[in-house]
């Protein structure tokens, strides 16, 4: 289990509302405790392989990315008139129902409420993501077969 997977697990547990999660595998034990104001993570790795570097878990404060204040640019102003379609779950983003099928939605396509715009695979289940808005797709923000986070923007849609 690499550091990126551990960070994603911590984020998932924090969002789920669980107060404590313990995960034990053959060579690693992870305990994540969340409270109202802090998240505590304990990682115990037994029997590391000889010659293989082990990832040290960063301190919980280091897991939170610093918030950068950006000044609005013309690109941000341009995108402000668009509505984003966000991912409702964590998983793998697919633009088509099968490798030999066409994409659900292309840039320039008009969509309406209830149209399937993509599929997100989570734990071997393929979840069709339906549009909650009507409009024209302006931009696809995620590459096909890429992992996505909860509430990550997937598409920009022009509602006019």
C-alpha atoms as a PDB file:
ATOM      1  CA  UNK A   1       0.000   0.000   0.000  1.00  0.00           C
ATOM      2  CA  UNK A   2       1.583   3.274  -1.071  1.00  0.00           C
ATOM      3  CA  UNK A   3       1.261   6.717   0.519  1.00  0.00           C
ATOM      4  CA  UNK A   4      -1.279   7.917  -2.077  1.00  0.00           C
ATOM      5  CA  UNK A   5      -3.618   5.024  -1.228  1.00  0.00           C
ATOM      6  CA  UNK A   6      -3.245   5.774   2.477  1.00  0.00           C
ATOM      7  CA  UNK A   7      -4.046   9.449   1.912  1.00  0.00           C
ATOM      8  CA  UNK A   8      -7.140   8.523  -0.120  1.00  0.00           C
ATOM      9  CA  UNK A   9      -8.224   6.143   2.643  1.00  0.00           C
ATOM     10  CA  UNK A  10      -7.848   8.907   5.248  1.00  0.00           C
ATOM     11  CA  UNK A  11      -9.908  11.317   3.127  1.00  0.00           C
ATOM     12  CA  UNK A  12     -12.594   8.674   2.583  1.00  0.00           C
ATOM     13  CA  UNK A  13     -12.851   7.872   6.305  1.00  0.00           C
ATOM     14  CA  UNK A  14     -12.996  11.565   7.207  1.00  0.00           C
ATOM     15  CA  UNK A  15     -15.857  12.147   4.754  1.00  0.00           C
ATOM     16  CA  UNK A  16     -17.746   9.001   5.802  1.00  0.00           C
ATOM     17  CA  UNK A  17     -18.281  10.206   9.348  1.00  0.00           C
ATOM     18  CA  UNK A  18     -16.876   7.045  10.931  1.00  0.00           C
ATOM     19  CA  UNK A  19     -15.066   7.656  14.211  1.00  0.00           C
ATOM     20  CA  UNK A  20     -12.553   4.817  13.870  1.00  0.00           C
ATOM     21  CA  UNK A  21     -11.459   2.404  11.139  1.00  0.00           C
ATOM     22  CA  UNK A  22      -8.973  -0.442  11.502  1.00  0.00           C
ATOM     23  CA  UNK A  23      -7.512  -2.152   8.449  1.00  0.00           C
ATOM     24  CA  UNK A  24      -5.278  -5.203   8.808  1.00  0.00           C
ATOM     25  CA  UNK A  25      -3.609  -6.951   5.893  1.00  0.00           C
ATOM     26  CA  UNK A  26      -0.812  -9.493   5.760  1.00  0.00           C
ATOM     27  CA  UNK A  27       2.028  -7.013   6.174  1.00  0.00           C
ATOM     28  CA  UNK A  28       0.425  -3.764   7.326  1.00  0.00           C
ATOM     29  CA  UNK A  29      -1.986  -2.533   9.987  1.00  0.00           C
ATOM     30  CA  UNK A  30      -3.677   0.863   9.717  1.00  0.00           C
ATOM     31  CA  UNK A  31      -5.872   2.542  12.325  1.00  0.00           C
ATOM     32  CA  UNK A  32      -7.591   5.818  11.497  1.00  0.00           C
ATOM     33  CA  UNK A  33      -9.391   7.717  14.271  1.00  0.00           C
ATOM     34  CA  UNK A  34     -11.350  10.844  13.482  1.00  0.00           C
ATOM     35  CA  UNK A  35     -12.704  13.431  15.860  1.00  0.00           C
ATOM     36  CA  UNK A  36     -14.485  16.732  15.538  1.00  0.00           C
ATOM     37  CA  UNK A  37     -11.276  18.634  14.949  1.00  0.00           C
ATOM     38  CA  UNK A  38      -8.502  16.131  14.232  1.00  0.00           C
ATOM     39  CA  UNK A  39      -7.642  12.959  12.383  1.00  0.00           C
ATOM     40  CA  UNK A  40      -5.142  10.528  13.875  1.00  0.00           C
ATOM     41  CA  UNK A  41      -3.499   7.830  11.787  1.00  0.00           C
ATOM     42  CA  UNK A  42      -1.362   4.968  13.053  1.00  0.00           C
ATOM     43  CA  UNK A  43       0.480   2.767  10.575  1.00  0.00           C
ATOM     44  CA  UNK A  44       2.356  -0.353  11.627  1.00  0.00           C
ATOM     45  CA  UNK A  45       4.231  -2.229   8.956  1.00  0.00           C
ATOM     46  CA  UNK A  46       5.585  -5.639   9.863  1.00  0.00           C
ATOM     47  CA  UNK A  47       8.228  -7.613   7.981  1.00  0.00           C
ATOM     48  CA  UNK A  48       9.266  -5.054   5.362  1.00  0.00           C
ATOM     49  CA  UNK A  49      10.938  -6.653   2.358  1.00  0.00           C
ATOM     50  CA  UNK A  50      14.703  -6.448   2.335  1.00  0.00           C
ATOM     51  CA  UNK A  51      15.959  -3.791  -0.067  1.00  0.00           C
ATOM     52  CA  UNK A  52      12.505  -2.232  -0.510  1.00  0.00           C
ATOM     53  CA  UNK A  53      12.018   1.312   0.805  1.00  0.00           C
ATOM     54  CA  UNK A  54       9.081   1.721   3.162  1.00  0.00           C
ATOM     55  CA  UNK A  55       6.860   4.762   2.945  1.00  0.00           C
ATOM     56  CA  UNK A  56       6.716   6.757   6.137  1.00  0.00           C
ATOM     57  CA  UNK A  57       3.315   8.225   6.884  1.00  0.00           C
ATOM     58  CA  UNK A  58       3.393  12.008   7.033  1.00  0.00           C
ATOM     59  CA  UNK A  59       2.056  13.738  10.098  1.00  0.00           C
ATOM     60  CA  UNK A  60      -1.714  14.305   9.899  1.00  0.00           C
ATOM     61  CA  UNK A  61      -1.189  18.059   9.578  1.00  0.00           C
ATOM     62  CA  UNK A  62       0.981  17.460   6.512  1.00  0.00           C
ATOM     63  CA  UNK A  63      -1.838  15.568   4.773  1.00  0.00           C
ATOM     64  CA  UNK A  64      -3.942  18.685   4.474  1.00  0.00           C
ATOM     65  CA  UNK A  65      -2.881  20.684   1.450  1.00  0.00           C
ATOM     66  CA  UNK A  66      -2.306  24.374   2.029  1.00  0.00           C
ATOM     67  CA  UNK A  67      -5.044  26.561   0.626  1.00  0.00           C
ATOM     68  CA  UNK A  68      -3.775  28.872  -2.073  1.00  0.00           C
ATOM     69  CA  UNK A  69      -5.601  32.112  -2.730  1.00  0.00           C
ATOM     70  CA  UNK A  70      -5.637  32.700  -6.460  1.00  0.00           C
ATOM     71  CA  UNK A  71      -6.510  35.933  -8.154  1.00  0.00           C
ATOM     72  CA  UNK A  72      -9.196  35.543 -10.797  1.00  0.00           C
ATOM     73  CA  UNK A  73      -7.847  35.228 -14.314  1.00  0.00           C
ATOM     74  CA  UNK A  74      -9.609  35.583 -17.626  1.00  0.00           C
ATOM     75  CA  UNK A  75      -9.859  31.770 -17.874  1.00  0.00           C
ATOM     76  CA  UNK A  76     -11.598  31.573 -14.480  1.00  0.00           C
ATOM     77  CA  UNK A  77     -13.945  34.411 -15.452  1.00  0.00           C
ATOM     78  CA  UNK A  78     -14.703  32.608 -18.703  1.00  0.00           C
ATOM     79  CA  UNK A  79     -15.466  29.327 -16.894  1.00  0.00           C
ATOM     80  CA  UNK A  80     -17.643  31.020 -14.251  1.00  0.00           C
ATOM     81  CA  UNK A  81     -20.615  31.071 -16.626  1.00  0.00           C
ATOM     82  CA  UNK A  82     -20.486  27.269 -16.909  1.00  0.00           C
ATOM     83  CA  UNK A  83     -21.908  24.688 -14.524  1.00  0.00           C
ATOM     84  CA  UNK A  84     -19.803  21.713 -13.489  1.00  0.00           C
ATOM     85  CA  UNK A  85     -20.992  18.124 -13.343  1.00  0.00           C
ATOM     86  CA  UNK A  86     -19.215  16.636 -10.309  1.00  0.00           C
ATOM     87  CA  UNK A  87     -18.480  13.048  -9.362  1.00  0.00           C
ATOM     88  CA  UNK A  88     -20.929  11.759  -6.748  1.00  0.00           C
ATOM     89  CA  UNK A  89     -18.565   8.916  -5.736  1.00  0.00           C
ATOM     90  CA  UNK A  90     -14.925   7.833  -5.623  1.00  0.00           C
ATOM     91  CA  UNK A  91     -13.908   5.452  -8.396  1.00  0.00           C
ATOM     92  CA  UNK A  92     -12.577   5.119 -11.927  1.00  0.00           C
ATOM     93  CA  UNK A  93     -14.058   7.415 -14.604  1.00  0.00           C
ATOM     94  CA  UNK A  94     -15.066   5.937 -17.969  1.00  0.00           C
ATOM     95  CA  UNK A  95     -16.517   7.935 -20.863  1.00  0.00           C
ATOM     96  CA  UNK A  96     -18.064   4.904 -22.612  1.00  0.00           C
ATOM     97  CA  UNK A  97     -20.121   1.887 -21.515  1.00  0.00           C
ATOM     98  CA  UNK A  98     -17.675  -0.594 -23.117  1.00  0.00           C
ATOM     99  CA  UNK A  99     -14.356  -0.348 -24.982  1.00  0.00           C
ATOM    100  CA  UNK A 100     -16.032  -0.936 -28.355  1.00  0.00           C
ATOM    101  CA  UNK A 101     -18.904   1.522 -27.771  1.00  0.00           C
ATOM    102  CA  UNK A 102     -19.003   5.298 -28.448  1.00  0.00           C
ATOM    103  CA  UNK A 103     -18.593   7.858 -25.651  1.00  0.00           C
ATOM    104  CA  UNK A 104     -21.705   8.788 -23.679  1.00  0.00           C
ATOM    105  CA  UNK A 105     -21.087  12.502 -24.216  1.00  0.00           C
ATOM    106  CA  UNK A 106     -18.699  14.506 -26.392  1.00  0.00           C
ATOM    107  CA  UNK A 107     -17.724  18.170 -26.324  1.00  0.00           C
ATOM    108  CA  UNK A 108     -20.463  20.049 -28.166  1.00  0.00           C
ATOM    109  CA  UNK A 109     -23.197  17.502 -27.373  1.00  0.00           C
ATOM    110  CA  UNK A 110     -26.451  18.778 -25.917  1.00  0.00           C
ATOM    111  CA  UNK A 111     -27.548  16.948 -22.780  1.00  0.00           C
ATOM    112  CA  UNK A 112     -30.721  17.069 -20.753  1.00  0.00           C
ATOM    113  CA  UNK A 113     -31.604  16.098 -17.199  1.00  0.00           C
ATOM    114  CA  UNK A 114     -31.331  12.328 -16.788  1.00  0.00           C
ATOM    115  CA  UNK A 115     -28.926  11.711 -19.693  1.00  0.00           C
ATOM    116  CA  UNK A 116     -26.026   9.396 -18.817  1.00  0.00           C
ATOM    117  CA  UNK A 117     -22.772  11.348 -19.236  1.00  0.00           C
ATOM    118  CA  UNK A 118     -20.255   8.761 -17.948  1.00  0.00           C
ATOM    119  CA  UNK A 119     -19.732   5.655 -15.817  1.00  0.00           C
ATOM    120  CA  UNK A 120     -17.764   5.484 -12.564  1.00  0.00           C
ATOM    121  CA  UNK A 121     -16.527   2.089 -11.424  1.00  0.00           C
ATOM    122  CA  UNK A 122     -16.374   1.626  -7.671  1.00  0.00           C
ATOM    123  CA  UNK A 123     -15.567  -1.776  -6.184  1.00  0.00           C
ATOM    124  CA  UNK A 124     -16.346  -3.642  -9.435  1.00  0.00           C
ATOM    125  CA  UNK A 125     -19.738  -1.907  -9.747  1.00  0.00           C
ATOM    126  CA  UNK A 126     -20.321   0.365 -12.745  1.00  0.00           C
ATOM    127  CA  UNK A 127     -22.434   3.369 -11.740  1.00  0.00           C
ATOM    128  CA  UNK A 128     -24.034   5.381 -14.540  1.00  0.00           C
ATOM    129  CA  UNK A 129     -23.753   9.089 -13.788  1.00  0.00           C
ATOM    130  CA  UNK A 130     -26.746  11.055 -15.017  1.00  0.00           C
ATOM    131  CA  UNK A 131     -26.794  14.772 -15.706  1.00  0.00           C
ATOM    132  CA  UNK A 132     -28.716  16.912 -13.257  1.00  0.00           C
ATOM    133  CA  UNK A 133     -28.720  19.864 -15.653  1.00  0.00           C
ATOM    134  CA  UNK A 134     -29.540  20.571 -19.289  1.00  0.00           C
ATOM    135  CA  UNK A 135     -27.120  22.284 -21.618  1.00  0.00           C
ATOM    136  CA  UNK A 136     -24.186  21.821 -23.950  1.00  0.00           C
ATOM    137  CA  UNK A 137     -20.944  20.104 -22.918  1.00  0.00           C
ATOM    138  CA  UNK A 138     -18.092  22.591 -23.229  1.00  0.00           C
ATOM    139  CA  UNK A 139     -15.203  20.613 -21.743  1.00  0.00           C
ATOM    140  CA  UNK A 140     -14.377  17.156 -20.380  1.00  0.00           C
ATOM    141  CA  UNK A 141     -12.182  17.703 -17.314  1.00  0.00           C
ATOM    142  CA  UNK A 142     -11.072  14.093 -16.655  1.00  0.00           C
ATOM    143  CA  UNK A 143      -9.197  11.625 -18.854  1.00  0.00           C
ATOM    144  CA  UNK A 144     -10.827   8.291 -19.614  1.00  0.00           C
ATOM    145  CA  UNK A 145      -9.920   5.476 -17.168  1.00  0.00           C
ATOM    146  CA  UNK A 146      -8.666   7.963 -14.563  1.00  0.00           C
ATOM    147  CA  UNK A 147      -9.379   7.754 -10.839  1.00  0.00           C
ATOM    148  CA  UNK A 148     -11.748  10.436  -9.530  1.00  0.00           C
ATOM    149  CA  UNK A 149     -12.485  11.721  -6.044  1.00  0.00           C
ATOM    150  CA  UNK A 150     -15.829  12.546  -4.470  1.00  0.00           C
ATOM    151  CA  UNK A 151     -17.137  15.900  -5.777  1.00  0.00           C
ATOM    152  CA  UNK A 152     -14.348  16.209  -8.381  1.00  0.00           C
ATOM    153  CA  UNK A 153     -15.451  18.224 -11.445  1.00  0.00           C
ATOM    154  CA  UNK A 154     -15.977  15.971 -14.497  1.00  0.00           C
ATOM    155  CA  UNK A 155     -17.600  18.167 -17.151  1.00  0.00           C
ATOM    156  CA  UNK A 156     -18.241  21.859 -17.836  1.00  0.00           C
ATOM    157  CA  UNK A 157     -21.730  22.498 -19.181  1.00  0.00           C
ATOM    158  CA  UNK A 158     -23.093  25.693 -20.749  1.00  0.00           C
ATOM    159  CA  UNK A 159     -26.701  25.913 -19.491  1.00  0.00           C
ATOM    160  CA  UNK A 160     -27.788  28.535 -22.069  1.00  0.00           C
END
